[in-house]
């Protein structure tokens, strides 16, 4: 008899995430670092977009953004958020819910330094989520290129990392007739042990 899905998963969902993510990379799943980020305003109006995972460890899941963007303003007013990883070629999905906060200045500096130079320049040039014409945007990028020609690009104060600290993580895997495997891990407070339960599809 085949082992049950839940018995194959690690007791620690972060360890299990790393195993699935590593497999997605090794099997060349398209965009293995892409994740849907959902945020909402203080009064509950939701929005979602794709961002890229920069790192994942026991502290949570890190991505970067302009702090003055729509998502940055929403996180400032309501730090609750959710992530979804979807790897169709592996028939797998991971849903994560938790609390968002900015990374430290040191971490944000390191994340910015690791960006390609043109991405650094775009972080300086683009007032993300603001209404703008294409001509204005291109002029702003060209001005940033001229200003930093021959010089390193410092991290703008309005740019940096965010970390989602998970309190719930669900692992989903396809089975026949939509009788899919679903296992959720829940932690009721930071530092407490994870509880693991199987969910009906």
N, C-alpha and C. Protein backbone atom coordinates (compact mmCIF):
# COMPACT_ATOMS: atom_id res chain seq x y z
N UNK A 1 0.85 -1.20 0.00
CA UNK A 1 0.00 0.00 0.00
C UNK A 1 0.89 1.24 0.00
N UNK A 2 0.55 2.22 -0.83
CA UNK A 2 1.33 3.44 -0.88
C UNK A 2 1.25 4.20 0.43
N UNK A 3 2.35 4.90 0.76
CA UNK A 3 2.33 5.74 1.95
C UNK A 3 1.37 6.91 1.75
N UNK A 4 0.73 7.31 2.83
CA UNK A 4 -0.15 8.46 2.76
C UNK A 4 0.66 9.74 2.57
N UNK A 5 0.06 10.70 1.87
CA UNK A 5 0.72 11.97 1.57
C UNK A 5 1.25 12.63 2.84
N UNK A 6 0.40 12.69 3.89
CA UNK A 6 0.81 13.39 5.10
C UNK A 6 1.98 12.73 5.79
N UNK A 7 2.13 11.40 5.61
CA UNK A 7 3.25 10.71 6.24
C UNK A 7 4.57 10.95 5.51
N UNK A 8 4.48 11.46 4.28
CA UNK A 8 5.69 11.75 3.51
C UNK A 8 6.22 13.15 3.78
N UNK A 9 5.42 14.00 4.44
CA UNK A 9 5.80 15.39 4.68
C UNK A 9 6.60 15.52 5.96
N UNK A 10 7.53 16.47 5.96
CA UNK A 10 8.33 16.75 7.15
C UNK A 10 7.45 17.38 8.24
N UNK A 11 7.70 17.10 9.52
CA UNK A 11 6.93 17.75 10.58
C UNK A 11 7.07 19.27 10.59
N UNK A 12 8.15 19.78 10.03
CA UNK A 12 8.38 21.23 9.96
C UNK A 12 8.02 21.71 8.55
N UNK A 13 7.00 22.57 8.41
CA UNK A 13 6.58 22.98 7.07
C UNK A 13 7.64 23.79 6.32
N UNK A 14 8.53 24.47 7.03
CA UNK A 14 9.58 25.23 6.35
C UNK A 14 10.61 24.28 5.73
N UNK A 15 10.90 23.19 6.43
CA UNK A 15 11.78 22.16 5.85
C UNK A 15 11.11 21.55 4.62
N UNK A 16 9.79 21.28 4.74
CA UNK A 16 9.06 20.71 3.61
C UNK A 16 9.00 21.68 2.44
N UNK A 17 8.82 22.97 2.72
CA UNK A 17 8.83 23.96 1.65
C UNK A 17 10.15 23.93 0.89
N UNK A 18 11.25 23.92 1.63
CA UNK A 18 12.56 23.93 0.97
C UNK A 18 12.75 22.70 0.08
N UNK A 19 12.23 21.55 0.54
CA UNK A 19 12.34 20.32 -0.26
C UNK A 19 11.55 20.44 -1.56
N UNK A 20 10.33 20.95 -1.49
CA UNK A 20 9.52 21.10 -2.70
C UNK A 20 10.09 22.18 -3.61
N UNK A 21 10.55 23.28 -3.04
CA UNK A 21 11.13 24.35 -3.85
C UNK A 21 12.39 23.86 -4.55
N UNK A 22 13.23 23.13 -3.83
CA UNK A 22 14.45 22.59 -4.43
C UNK A 22 14.09 21.66 -5.60
N UNK A 23 13.07 20.85 -5.42
CA UNK A 23 12.65 19.94 -6.49
C UNK A 23 12.12 20.73 -7.69
N UNK A 24 11.39 21.82 -7.43
CA UNK A 24 10.89 22.66 -8.53
C UNK A 24 12.04 23.25 -9.32
N UNK A 25 13.10 23.66 -8.63
CA UNK A 25 14.28 24.20 -9.31
C UNK A 25 14.98 23.10 -10.11
N UNK A 26 15.20 21.96 -9.48
CA UNK A 26 15.93 20.87 -10.12
C UNK A 26 15.19 20.32 -11.34
N UNK A 27 13.86 20.30 -11.27
CA UNK A 27 13.06 19.77 -12.37
C UNK A 27 12.68 20.86 -13.37
N UNK A 28 13.26 22.05 -13.18
CA UNK A 28 13.09 23.18 -14.10
C UNK A 28 11.62 23.56 -14.29
N UNK A 29 10.89 23.61 -13.19
CA UNK A 29 9.54 24.15 -13.24
C UNK A 29 9.63 25.61 -13.65
N UNK A 30 8.74 26.09 -14.53
CA UNK A 30 8.79 27.51 -14.92
C UNK A 30 8.67 28.43 -13.72
N UNK A 31 9.56 29.41 -13.64
CA UNK A 31 9.51 30.44 -12.60
C UNK A 31 9.31 29.84 -11.19
N UNK A 32 10.22 29.01 -10.72
CA UNK A 32 10.02 28.36 -9.43
C UNK A 32 9.97 29.33 -8.25
N UNK A 33 10.53 30.55 -8.42
CA UNK A 33 10.52 31.54 -7.33
C UNK A 33 9.31 32.47 -7.38
N UNK A 34 8.49 32.35 -8.42
CA UNK A 34 7.33 33.24 -8.53
C UNK A 34 6.26 32.84 -7.52
N UNK A 35 5.70 33.85 -6.85
CA UNK A 35 4.65 33.58 -5.87
C UNK A 35 3.62 34.71 -5.91
N UNK A 36 2.36 34.32 -5.76
CA UNK A 36 1.29 35.30 -5.67
C UNK A 36 1.29 35.88 -4.26
N UNK A 37 1.31 37.22 -4.18
CA UNK A 37 1.23 37.91 -2.90
C UNK A 37 -0.12 38.61 -2.83
N UNK A 38 -0.89 38.30 -1.80
CA UNK A 38 -2.17 38.96 -1.57
C UNK A 38 -2.06 39.85 -0.33
N UNK A 39 -2.51 41.09 -0.47
CA UNK A 39 -2.58 42.03 0.64
C UNK A 39 -3.97 42.67 0.61
N UNK A 40 -4.28 43.47 1.62
CA UNK A 40 -5.54 44.20 1.60
C UNK A 40 -5.40 45.50 2.38
N UNK A 41 -6.31 46.40 2.11
CA UNK A 41 -6.34 47.67 2.82
C UNK A 41 -6.85 47.45 4.24
N UNK A 42 -6.79 48.51 5.06
CA UNK A 42 -7.28 48.41 6.43
C UNK A 42 -8.75 48.00 6.48
N UNK A 43 -9.53 48.44 5.47
CA UNK A 43 -10.95 48.10 5.48
C UNK A 43 -11.27 46.88 4.62
N UNK A 44 -10.25 46.10 4.26
CA UNK A 44 -10.48 44.78 3.70
C UNK A 44 -10.59 44.67 2.20
N UNK A 45 -10.22 45.70 1.43
CA UNK A 45 -10.22 45.59 -0.02
C UNK A 45 -8.95 44.89 -0.48
N UNK A 46 -9.07 43.72 -1.11
CA UNK A 46 -7.89 42.93 -1.42
C UNK A 46 -7.25 43.30 -2.75
N UNK A 47 -5.97 42.96 -2.89
CA UNK A 47 -5.28 43.02 -4.18
C UNK A 47 -4.22 41.93 -4.18
N UNK A 48 -3.82 41.52 -5.38
CA UNK A 48 -2.83 40.45 -5.50
C UNK A 48 -1.97 40.71 -6.71
N UNK A 49 -0.74 40.19 -6.66
CA UNK A 49 0.22 40.33 -7.75
C UNK A 49 1.31 39.26 -7.58
N UNK A 50 2.08 39.04 -8.64
CA UNK A 50 3.18 38.09 -8.58
C UNK A 50 4.45 38.82 -8.17
N UNK A 51 5.15 38.28 -7.18
CA UNK A 51 6.46 38.77 -6.78
C UNK A 51 7.42 37.58 -6.77
N UNK A 52 8.71 37.85 -6.59
CA UNK A 52 9.70 36.79 -6.60
C UNK A 52 10.28 36.55 -5.22
N UNK A 53 10.35 35.29 -4.83
CA UNK A 53 10.97 34.91 -3.57
C UNK A 53 12.47 35.20 -3.62
N UNK A 54 12.97 35.90 -2.61
CA UNK A 54 14.40 36.19 -2.52
C UNK A 54 15.11 35.26 -1.54
N UNK A 55 14.43 34.88 -0.48
CA UNK A 55 15.00 33.91 0.46
C UNK A 55 13.87 33.36 1.32
N UNK A 56 14.10 32.17 1.86
CA UNK A 56 13.14 31.53 2.78
C UNK A 56 13.94 30.80 3.84
N UNK A 57 13.64 31.11 5.09
CA UNK A 57 14.29 30.41 6.21
C UNK A 57 13.30 30.35 7.36
N UNK A 58 13.81 29.98 8.55
CA UNK A 58 12.91 29.81 9.70
C UNK A 58 12.21 31.11 10.10
N UNK A 59 12.72 32.25 9.62
CA UNK A 59 12.07 33.53 9.92
C UNK A 59 10.96 33.88 8.96
N UNK A 60 10.92 33.24 7.79
CA UNK A 60 9.85 33.50 6.86
C UNK A 60 10.31 33.65 5.42
N UNK A 61 9.46 34.27 4.61
CA UNK A 61 9.61 34.36 3.16
C UNK A 61 9.82 35.81 2.77
N UNK A 62 10.88 36.09 2.02
CA UNK A 62 11.30 37.47 1.74
C UNK A 62 11.11 37.80 0.26
N UNK A 63 10.55 38.99 0.01
CA UNK A 63 10.49 39.57 -1.33
C UNK A 63 10.84 41.05 -1.19
N UNK A 64 10.97 41.75 -2.33
CA UNK A 64 11.36 43.16 -2.28
C UNK A 64 10.31 44.01 -2.98
N UNK A 65 10.29 45.29 -2.62
CA UNK A 65 9.31 46.20 -3.22
C UNK A 65 9.68 47.64 -2.93
N UNK A 66 8.99 48.54 -3.62
CA UNK A 66 8.98 49.95 -3.28
C UNK A 66 8.01 50.14 -2.12
N UNK A 67 8.47 50.71 -1.03
CA UNK A 67 7.61 50.89 0.15
C UNK A 67 6.44 51.83 -0.12
N UNK A 68 6.55 52.68 -1.16
CA UNK A 68 5.50 53.65 -1.47
C UNK A 68 4.52 53.12 -2.51
N UNK A 69 4.71 51.89 -2.96
CA UNK A 69 3.81 51.28 -3.93
C UNK A 69 2.47 50.94 -3.28
N UNK A 70 1.53 50.50 -4.11
CA UNK A 70 0.23 50.11 -3.56
C UNK A 70 0.37 49.03 -2.50
N UNK A 71 1.16 47.99 -2.80
CA UNK A 71 1.30 46.92 -1.82
C UNK A 71 1.99 47.42 -0.56
N UNK A 72 2.99 48.34 -0.74
CA UNK A 72 3.66 48.88 0.43
C UNK A 72 2.72 49.65 1.33
N UNK A 73 1.84 50.44 0.73
CA UNK A 73 0.86 51.20 1.53
C UNK A 73 -0.14 50.28 2.19
N UNK A 74 -0.54 49.21 1.47
CA UNK A 74 -1.48 48.27 2.08
C UNK A 74 -0.84 47.53 3.25
N UNK A 75 0.42 47.12 3.09
CA UNK A 75 1.11 46.42 4.19
C UNK A 75 1.26 47.35 5.39
N UNK A 76 1.52 48.64 5.13
CA UNK A 76 1.65 49.60 6.23
C UNK A 76 0.36 49.69 7.03
N UNK A 77 -0.79 49.64 6.34
CA UNK A 77 -2.08 49.77 7.03
C UNK A 77 -2.62 48.46 7.55
N UNK A 78 -2.21 47.33 6.95
CA UNK A 78 -2.73 46.02 7.35
C UNK A 78 -1.65 44.98 7.06
N UNK A 79 -0.90 44.55 8.06
CA UNK A 79 0.26 43.69 7.81
C UNK A 79 -0.07 42.22 7.55
N UNK A 80 -1.35 41.87 7.48
CA UNK A 80 -1.71 40.48 7.20
C UNK A 80 -1.59 40.22 5.70
N UNK A 81 -0.99 39.08 5.33
CA UNK A 81 -0.80 38.78 3.92
C UNK A 81 -0.82 37.28 3.66
N UNK A 82 -0.82 36.93 2.38
CA UNK A 82 -0.82 35.53 1.97
C UNK A 82 0.02 35.36 0.72
N UNK A 83 0.62 34.18 0.59
CA UNK A 83 1.44 33.82 -0.57
C UNK A 83 0.90 32.52 -1.17
N UNK A 84 1.05 32.37 -2.47
CA UNK A 84 0.74 31.10 -3.14
C UNK A 84 1.86 30.79 -4.13
N UNK A 85 2.45 29.62 -3.99
CA UNK A 85 3.36 29.07 -4.98
C UNK A 85 2.57 28.03 -5.77
N UNK A 86 2.67 28.07 -7.11
CA UNK A 86 1.97 27.11 -7.95
C UNK A 86 2.95 26.58 -8.98
N UNK A 87 3.19 25.29 -8.94
CA UNK A 87 4.09 24.63 -9.88
C UNK A 87 3.28 23.61 -10.69
N UNK A 88 2.63 24.05 -11.77
CA UNK A 88 1.73 23.16 -12.52
C UNK A 88 2.41 21.91 -13.05
N UNK A 89 3.66 22.02 -13.49
CA UNK A 89 4.33 20.85 -14.05
C UNK A 89 4.58 19.77 -13.00
N UNK A 90 4.56 20.15 -11.73
CA UNK A 90 4.72 19.18 -10.63
C UNK A 90 3.38 18.85 -9.98
N UNK A 91 2.30 19.53 -10.44
CA UNK A 91 0.96 19.34 -9.88
C UNK A 91 0.95 19.62 -8.37
N UNK A 92 1.63 20.73 -8.00
CA UNK A 92 1.75 21.09 -6.59
C UNK A 92 1.46 22.57 -6.37
N UNK A 93 1.02 22.86 -5.16
CA UNK A 93 0.74 24.24 -4.76
C UNK A 93 1.01 24.36 -3.26
N UNK A 94 1.50 25.52 -2.85
CA UNK A 94 1.68 25.81 -1.42
C UNK A 94 1.03 27.15 -1.12
N UNK A 95 0.17 27.18 -0.11
CA UNK A 95 -0.48 28.41 0.34
C UNK A 95 0.07 28.77 1.72
N UNK A 96 0.39 30.04 1.91
CA UNK A 96 1.02 30.50 3.15
C UNK A 96 0.31 31.76 3.63
N UNK A 97 -0.03 31.80 4.91
CA UNK A 97 -0.65 32.98 5.50
C UNK A 97 0.18 33.42 6.70
N UNK A 98 0.26 34.75 6.90
CA UNK A 98 1.03 35.24 8.03
C UNK A 98 1.08 36.75 8.09
N UNK A 99 2.05 37.24 8.84
CA UNK A 99 2.19 38.68 9.08
C UNK A 99 3.42 39.21 8.37
N UNK A 100 3.26 40.38 7.73
CA UNK A 100 4.32 41.00 6.95
C UNK A 100 5.00 42.11 7.73
N UNK A 101 6.31 42.21 7.56
CA UNK A 101 7.07 43.32 8.14
C UNK A 101 8.28 43.58 7.25
N UNK A 102 8.85 44.78 7.39
CA UNK A 102 10.04 45.11 6.61
C UNK A 102 11.25 44.33 7.13
N UNK A 103 12.14 44.00 6.23
CA UNK A 103 13.42 43.44 6.65
C UNK A 103 14.28 44.57 7.25
N UNK A 104 15.36 44.21 7.89
CA UNK A 104 16.25 45.21 8.45
C UNK A 104 16.92 46.00 7.33
N UNK A 105 17.44 47.19 7.67
CA UNK A 105 18.17 47.99 6.67
C UNK A 105 19.35 47.20 6.10
N UNK A 106 20.04 46.46 6.96
CA UNK A 106 21.19 45.67 6.50
C UNK A 106 20.75 44.62 5.48
N UNK A 107 19.66 43.93 5.77
CA UNK A 107 19.18 42.93 4.82
C UNK A 107 18.73 43.58 3.51
N UNK A 108 18.05 44.72 3.62
CA UNK A 108 17.59 45.42 2.41
C UNK A 108 18.78 45.90 1.58
N UNK A 109 19.83 46.39 2.26
CA UNK A 109 21.04 46.80 1.53
C UNK A 109 21.65 45.62 0.77
N UNK A 110 21.69 44.46 1.40
CA UNK A 110 22.25 43.28 0.76
C UNK A 110 21.39 42.83 -0.42
N UNK A 111 20.08 42.89 -0.25
CA UNK A 111 19.17 42.52 -1.34
C UNK A 111 19.32 43.47 -2.53
N UNK A 112 19.47 44.76 -2.24
CA UNK A 112 19.63 45.74 -3.31
C UNK A 112 20.97 45.54 -4.03
N UNK A 113 22.02 45.29 -3.27
CA UNK A 113 23.35 45.09 -3.87
C UNK A 113 23.39 43.88 -4.79
N UNK A 114 22.52 42.90 -4.52
CA UNK A 114 22.49 41.68 -5.33
C UNK A 114 21.71 41.86 -6.63
N UNK A 115 21.01 42.98 -6.79
CA UNK A 115 20.23 43.21 -8.00
C UNK A 115 21.13 43.59 -9.18
N UNK A 116 20.69 43.24 -10.38
CA UNK A 116 21.39 43.70 -11.58
C UNK A 116 21.35 45.23 -11.61
N UNK A 117 22.36 45.84 -12.21
CA UNK A 117 22.44 47.30 -12.20
C UNK A 117 21.20 47.96 -12.82
N UNK A 118 20.69 47.40 -13.93
CA UNK A 118 19.52 48.03 -14.55
C UNK A 118 18.30 47.95 -13.63
N UNK A 119 18.21 46.89 -12.82
CA UNK A 119 17.12 46.80 -11.86
C UNK A 119 17.31 47.80 -10.72
N UNK A 120 18.56 48.03 -10.33
CA UNK A 120 18.82 49.07 -9.34
C UNK A 120 18.39 50.43 -9.86
N UNK A 121 18.72 50.72 -11.11
CA UNK A 121 18.35 52.00 -11.69
C UNK A 121 16.84 52.15 -11.79
N UNK A 122 16.15 51.08 -12.14
CA UNK A 122 14.70 51.17 -12.25
C UNK A 122 14.07 51.39 -10.87
N UNK A 123 14.69 50.85 -9.83
CA UNK A 123 14.18 51.07 -8.47
C UNK A 123 14.28 52.54 -8.08
N UNK A 124 15.33 53.20 -8.57
CA UNK A 124 15.51 54.64 -8.34
C UNK A 124 14.54 55.45 -9.19
N UNK A 125 14.38 55.04 -10.46
CA UNK A 125 13.68 55.86 -11.44
C UNK A 125 12.16 55.76 -11.37
N UNK A 126 11.64 54.60 -10.95
CA UNK A 126 10.20 54.38 -11.06
C UNK A 126 9.45 54.70 -9.76
N UNK A 127 8.49 55.62 -9.80
CA UNK A 127 7.63 55.86 -8.63
C UNK A 127 6.50 54.83 -8.64
N UNK A 128 6.81 53.62 -8.27
CA UNK A 128 5.94 52.46 -8.47
C UNK A 128 4.50 52.73 -8.03
N UNK A 129 3.56 52.36 -8.90
CA UNK A 129 2.10 52.48 -8.71
C UNK A 129 1.56 53.89 -8.94
N UNK A 130 2.45 54.90 -9.13
CA UNK A 130 1.99 56.26 -9.42
C UNK A 130 1.57 56.35 -10.89
N UNK A 131 0.60 57.21 -11.17
CA UNK A 131 0.19 57.46 -12.56
C UNK A 131 1.34 58.21 -13.26
N UNK A 132 1.71 57.71 -14.47
CA UNK A 132 2.85 58.30 -15.18
C UNK A 132 2.72 58.01 -16.66
N UNK A 133 3.27 58.86 -17.50
CA UNK A 133 3.32 58.56 -18.94
C UNK A 133 4.58 57.76 -19.25
N UNK A 134 4.55 57.08 -20.39
CA UNK A 134 5.73 56.31 -20.80
C UNK A 134 6.93 57.22 -20.99
N UNK A 135 6.69 58.41 -21.56
CA UNK A 135 7.78 59.35 -21.80
C UNK A 135 8.41 59.81 -20.48
N UNK A 136 7.59 60.09 -19.50
CA UNK A 136 8.10 60.50 -18.19
C UNK A 136 8.91 59.38 -17.55
N UNK A 137 8.42 58.15 -17.68
CA UNK A 137 9.12 57.01 -17.09
C UNK A 137 10.48 56.82 -17.75
N UNK A 138 10.50 56.88 -19.07
CA UNK A 138 11.78 56.69 -19.78
C UNK A 138 12.76 57.81 -19.49
N UNK A 139 12.26 59.05 -19.38
CA UNK A 139 13.14 60.18 -19.03
C UNK A 139 13.72 59.99 -17.63
N UNK A 140 12.92 59.50 -16.72
CA UNK A 140 13.38 59.28 -15.35
C UNK A 140 14.48 58.22 -15.31
N UNK A 141 14.32 57.15 -16.09
CA UNK A 141 15.35 56.11 -16.14
C UNK A 141 16.64 56.65 -16.76
N UNK A 142 16.50 57.40 -17.86
CA UNK A 142 17.68 57.98 -18.51
C UNK A 142 18.42 58.93 -17.58
N UNK A 143 17.66 59.71 -16.79
CA UNK A 143 18.27 60.63 -15.84
C UNK A 143 19.04 59.86 -14.76
N UNK A 144 18.48 58.74 -14.30
CA UNK A 144 19.17 57.92 -13.30
C UNK A 144 20.45 57.34 -13.89
N UNK A 145 20.39 56.89 -15.15
CA UNK A 145 21.60 56.38 -15.80
C UNK A 145 22.70 57.44 -15.84
N UNK A 146 22.33 58.66 -16.22
CA UNK A 146 23.33 59.74 -16.30
C UNK A 146 23.88 60.08 -14.92
N UNK A 147 22.99 60.15 -13.94
CA UNK A 147 23.40 60.56 -12.60
C UNK A 147 24.39 59.57 -11.98
N UNK A 148 24.17 58.27 -12.23
CA UNK A 148 25.01 57.26 -11.59
C UNK A 148 26.06 56.67 -12.54
N UNK A 149 26.29 57.32 -13.66
CA UNK A 149 27.30 56.81 -14.60
C UNK A 149 28.66 56.72 -13.92
N UNK A 150 29.25 55.53 -13.96
CA UNK A 150 30.55 55.31 -13.34
C UNK A 150 30.53 55.21 -11.84
N UNK A 151 29.34 55.21 -11.25
CA UNK A 151 29.21 55.15 -9.78
C UNK A 151 28.29 54.00 -9.39
N UNK A 152 28.45 53.52 -8.18
CA UNK A 152 27.52 52.51 -7.67
C UNK A 152 26.18 53.18 -7.36
N UNK A 153 25.13 52.40 -7.39
CA UNK A 153 23.78 52.92 -7.13
C UNK A 153 23.41 52.59 -5.69
N UNK A 154 23.21 53.59 -4.85
CA UNK A 154 22.83 53.31 -3.47
C UNK A 154 21.35 52.91 -3.37
N UNK A 155 21.02 52.12 -2.37
CA UNK A 155 19.62 51.73 -2.19
C UNK A 155 18.77 52.94 -1.83
N UNK A 156 17.69 53.19 -2.56
CA UNK A 156 16.80 54.29 -2.19
C UNK A 156 16.11 54.01 -0.86
N UNK A 157 15.82 55.04 -0.10
CA UNK A 157 15.17 54.87 1.20
C UNK A 157 13.78 54.26 1.07
N UNK A 158 13.17 54.42 -0.13
CA UNK A 158 11.81 53.92 -0.31
C UNK A 158 11.78 52.47 -0.80
N UNK A 159 12.90 51.81 -0.87
CA UNK A 159 12.97 50.45 -1.42
C UNK A 159 13.57 49.51 -0.38
N UNK A 160 13.03 48.28 -0.32
CA UNK A 160 13.62 47.30 0.58
C UNK A 160 12.84 46.00 0.60
N UNK A 161 13.20 45.16 1.53
CA UNK A 161 12.59 43.85 1.62
C UNK A 161 11.42 43.80 2.58
N UNK A 162 10.57 42.81 2.34
CA UNK A 162 9.49 42.46 3.26
C UNK A 162 9.62 40.98 3.60
N UNK A 163 9.25 40.62 4.82
CA UNK A 163 9.26 39.22 5.23
C UNK A 163 7.86 38.83 5.71
N UNK A 164 7.36 37.73 5.19
CA UNK A 164 6.11 37.17 5.71
C UNK A 164 6.44 36.05 6.68
N UNK A 165 6.05 36.24 7.93
CA UNK A 165 6.26 35.20 8.96
C UNK A 165 5.03 34.30 8.99
N UNK A 166 5.16 33.04 8.62
CA UNK A 166 3.98 32.20 8.46
C UNK A 166 3.39 31.71 9.79
N UNK A 167 2.07 31.64 9.82
CA UNK A 167 1.37 30.98 10.91
C UNK A 167 0.51 29.83 10.38
N UNK A 168 0.38 29.77 9.05
CA UNK A 168 -0.35 28.67 8.43
C UNK A 168 0.25 28.39 7.07
N UNK A 169 0.49 27.10 6.78
CA UNK A 169 1.04 26.69 5.49
C UNK A 169 0.31 25.44 5.03
N UNK A 170 -0.18 25.49 3.80
CA UNK A 170 -0.91 24.34 3.25
C UNK A 170 -0.19 23.80 2.03
N UNK A 171 0.00 22.48 2.01
CA UNK A 171 0.64 21.79 0.90
C UNK A 171 -0.43 21.00 0.15
N UNK A 172 -0.49 21.23 -1.16
CA UNK A 172 -1.52 20.64 -2.03
C UNK A 172 -0.84 19.88 -3.14
N UNK A 173 -1.35 18.68 -3.41
CA UNK A 173 -0.82 17.88 -4.51
C UNK A 173 -1.98 17.19 -5.23
N UNK A 174 -1.91 17.19 -6.56
CA UNK A 174 -2.99 16.63 -7.38
C UNK A 174 -3.10 15.12 -7.20
N UNK A 175 -4.37 14.65 -7.14
CA UNK A 175 -4.69 13.22 -7.21
C UNK A 175 -5.83 13.03 -8.21
N UNK A 176 -6.22 11.81 -8.44
CA UNK A 176 -7.26 11.48 -9.40
C UNK A 176 -8.60 12.12 -9.02
N UNK A 177 -9.41 12.40 -10.04
CA UNK A 177 -10.80 12.85 -9.87
C UNK A 177 -10.93 14.03 -8.91
N UNK A 178 -9.92 14.88 -8.89
CA UNK A 178 -9.88 16.04 -7.98
C UNK A 178 -9.93 15.65 -6.49
N UNK A 179 -9.60 14.40 -6.21
CA UNK A 179 -9.49 13.96 -4.81
C UNK A 179 -8.07 14.29 -4.32
N UNK A 180 -7.76 15.58 -4.34
CA UNK A 180 -6.39 16.03 -4.13
C UNK A 180 -5.94 15.91 -2.68
N UNK A 181 -4.63 15.75 -2.51
CA UNK A 181 -4.03 15.76 -1.18
C UNK A 181 -3.92 17.20 -0.69
N UNK A 182 -4.34 17.45 0.55
CA UNK A 182 -4.17 18.76 1.17
C UNK A 182 -3.79 18.54 2.64
N UNK A 183 -2.67 19.11 3.03
CA UNK A 183 -2.24 19.05 4.43
C UNK A 183 -1.91 20.47 4.87
N UNK A 184 -2.49 20.89 5.99
CA UNK A 184 -2.25 22.24 6.50
C UNK A 184 -1.49 22.15 7.83
N UNK A 185 -0.53 23.04 7.99
CA UNK A 185 0.21 23.21 9.24
C UNK A 185 -0.25 24.53 9.85
N UNK A 186 -0.53 24.53 11.14
CA UNK A 186 -0.98 25.74 11.83
C UNK A 186 -0.14 25.95 13.08
N UNK A 187 0.27 27.21 13.28
CA UNK A 187 0.98 27.57 14.52
C UNK A 187 0.22 28.74 15.14
N UNK A 188 -0.25 28.54 16.37
CA UNK A 188 -1.15 29.52 16.98
C UNK A 188 -0.42 30.74 17.52
N UNK A 189 0.86 30.60 17.83
CA UNK A 189 1.66 31.76 18.21
C UNK A 189 3.12 31.47 17.89
N UNK A 190 3.88 32.54 17.67
CA UNK A 190 5.28 32.38 17.27
C UNK A 190 6.05 31.58 18.31
N UNK A 191 6.79 30.59 17.82
CA UNK A 191 7.58 29.75 18.70
C UNK A 191 6.87 28.49 19.17
N UNK A 192 5.54 28.44 18.99
CA UNK A 192 4.81 27.24 19.40
C UNK A 192 4.97 26.16 18.34
N UNK A 193 4.74 24.89 18.70
CA UNK A 193 4.91 23.82 17.71
C UNK A 193 3.84 23.89 16.62
N UNK A 194 4.17 23.37 15.46
CA UNK A 194 3.22 23.32 14.36
C UNK A 194 2.27 22.16 14.55
N UNK A 195 0.98 22.37 14.31
CA UNK A 195 -0.01 21.30 14.27
C UNK A 195 -0.26 20.97 12.79
N UNK A 196 -0.45 19.68 12.49
CA UNK A 196 -0.61 19.26 11.12
C UNK A 196 -1.91 18.49 10.96
N UNK A 197 -2.71 18.85 9.93
CA UNK A 197 -4.01 18.22 9.71
C UNK A 197 -4.22 17.99 8.21
N UNK A 198 -4.93 16.94 7.90
CA UNK A 198 -5.34 16.71 6.50
C UNK A 198 -6.68 17.40 6.27
N UNK A 199 -6.83 18.02 5.08
CA UNK A 199 -8.06 18.69 4.71
C UNK A 199 -8.72 17.96 3.54
N UNK A 200 -10.04 17.99 3.49
CA UNK A 200 -10.76 17.46 2.34
C UNK A 200 -10.50 18.36 1.13
N UNK A 201 -10.42 17.80 -0.06
CA UNK A 201 -10.16 18.61 -1.25
C UNK A 201 -11.38 19.47 -1.63
